[in-house]
Protein backbone atom coordinates (compact mmCIF):
# COMPACT_ATOMS: atom_id res chain seq x y z
CA MET A 1 187.29 -25.92 10.20
CA GLY A 2 183.62 -26.12 9.43
CA GLU A 3 181.28 -29.06 9.41
CA PRO A 4 181.87 -31.60 6.64
CA VAL A 5 179.46 -31.23 3.71
CA ILE A 6 178.57 -34.30 1.63
CA LEU A 7 179.09 -33.48 -2.06
CA CYS A 8 178.41 -36.70 -3.92
CA PRO A 9 178.99 -40.45 -4.08
CA ALA A 10 182.73 -41.18 -4.21
CA ASP A 11 182.50 -42.74 -7.67
CA ALA A 12 180.94 -39.56 -9.16
CA VAL A 13 184.45 -38.16 -9.76
CA PRO A 14 186.57 -40.67 -11.73
CA ASP A 15 190.36 -40.48 -11.77
CA GLN A 16 191.81 -37.73 -14.02
CA GLN A 17 188.49 -35.86 -14.03
CA MET A 18 186.77 -33.05 -12.16
CA LYS A 19 183.19 -32.04 -11.50
CA ALA A 20 181.43 -29.12 -9.79
CA PHE A 21 178.71 -29.39 -7.17
CA PRO A 22 176.39 -26.75 -5.71
CA VAL A 23 176.99 -25.96 -2.04
CA GLY A 24 174.63 -23.25 -0.88
CA SER A 25 175.03 -20.36 -3.31
CA ASP A 26 178.54 -21.49 -4.34
CA GLN A 27 179.97 -24.12 -6.66
CA ILE A 28 182.71 -26.36 -5.31
CA ALA A 29 184.72 -28.46 -7.75
CA VAL A 30 186.44 -31.74 -6.96
CA ALA A 31 189.28 -33.22 -9.00
CA ARG A 32 190.76 -36.70 -8.64
CA VAL A 33 194.33 -36.94 -9.92
CA ASP A 34 196.17 -40.25 -9.60
CA GLY A 35 193.85 -41.16 -6.74
CA GLU A 36 194.43 -37.85 -4.88
CA LEU A 37 191.40 -35.64 -4.22
CA TYR A 38 191.33 -31.84 -4.46
CA ALA A 39 188.39 -29.54 -3.66
CA PHE A 40 188.37 -25.90 -4.75
CA ASP A 41 186.16 -22.97 -5.73
CA ASP A 42 184.82 -23.67 -9.19
CA THR A 43 184.82 -20.00 -10.24
CA CYS A 44 187.90 -18.52 -11.91
CA THR A 45 188.96 -15.25 -10.29
CA HIS A 46 189.51 -13.65 -13.72
CA ALA A 47 186.25 -13.95 -15.67
CA ALA A 48 184.09 -16.16 -13.40
CA CYS A 49 184.28 -19.18 -15.73
CA SER A 50 183.72 -22.69 -14.40
CA LEU A 51 187.08 -24.31 -13.73
CA ALA A 52 185.48 -27.77 -13.82
CA ASP A 53 184.86 -27.14 -17.53
CA GLY A 54 188.61 -26.70 -18.03
CA GLU A 55 191.49 -29.13 -18.28
CA LEU A 56 193.63 -30.96 -15.73
CA GLU A 57 197.40 -31.23 -16.07
CA GLY A 58 198.47 -33.11 -12.98
CA ALA A 59 197.49 -31.00 -9.95
CA THR A 60 196.98 -27.91 -12.16
CA VAL A 61 193.59 -26.79 -13.46
CA ILE A 62 193.48 -24.69 -16.64
CA CYS A 63 190.53 -22.34 -17.03
CA PRO A 64 188.66 -22.87 -20.32
CA CYS A 65 188.07 -19.14 -20.92
CA HIS A 66 191.50 -17.49 -20.90
CA MET A 67 193.89 -20.33 -19.99
CA GLY A 68 194.57 -19.14 -16.44
CA GLN A 69 196.23 -21.85 -14.36
CA PHE A 70 195.80 -22.67 -10.66
CA ASP A 71 197.66 -25.07 -8.36
CA LEU A 72 195.04 -27.40 -6.86
CA LYS A 73 197.16 -28.01 -3.76
CA THR A 74 197.43 -24.34 -2.77
CA GLY A 75 195.00 -22.40 -4.97
CA GLU A 76 197.91 -20.25 -6.16
CA VAL A 77 197.79 -18.67 -9.62
CA LEU A 78 200.49 -20.32 -11.75
CA ASP A 79 199.96 -18.54 -15.07
CA GLY A 80 197.65 -16.29 -17.03
CA PRO A 81 195.35 -13.41 -16.23
CA PRO A 82 193.67 -14.45 -12.92
CA PRO A 83 194.36 -11.70 -10.35
CA ASP A 84 193.73 -13.80 -7.23
CA PRO A 85 194.12 -17.39 -6.06
CA ILE A 86 191.16 -19.72 -5.59
CA SER A 87 190.17 -21.19 -2.24
CA VAL A 88 191.00 -24.85 -1.67
CA TYR A 89 189.34 -27.11 0.89
CA PRO A 90 190.05 -30.38 2.69
CA VAL A 91 188.21 -33.22 0.96
CA GLN A 92 187.86 -36.85 1.99
CA GLU A 93 186.31 -40.06 0.79
CA THR A 94 184.33 -41.49 3.71
CA ASP A 95 181.74 -44.26 3.67
CA GLY A 96 181.47 -44.12 -0.10
CA LYS A 97 180.89 -40.36 -0.22
CA LEU A 98 183.05 -37.32 -0.90
CA THR A 99 182.90 -34.73 1.87
CA VAL A 100 184.44 -31.28 1.96
CA GLU A 101 185.16 -28.98 4.91
CA LEU A 102 184.34 -25.37 4.13
CA ASP A 103 185.54 -22.38 6.16
């Protein structure tokens, strides 16, 4: 595991929502679903659309471009045209901030 990276204040991602944050040259998205946090690559593996602009259905994110679906727990493609899974990362709420551990 890598060093934890601070993404944002913990209250920046309300329950049942997701947001993307720049980390170096990448975008990492965070979703909060029923109090559970998920961090994942924000870029769809099909057409490079922002997943944070999509919809949440439980722990599934639906890409806004072509309706590809990913499991936020594993990154696995559940449906649609994406050819590859997305990377998922450990995320924690610590001292009022959300931190993610990147590879």
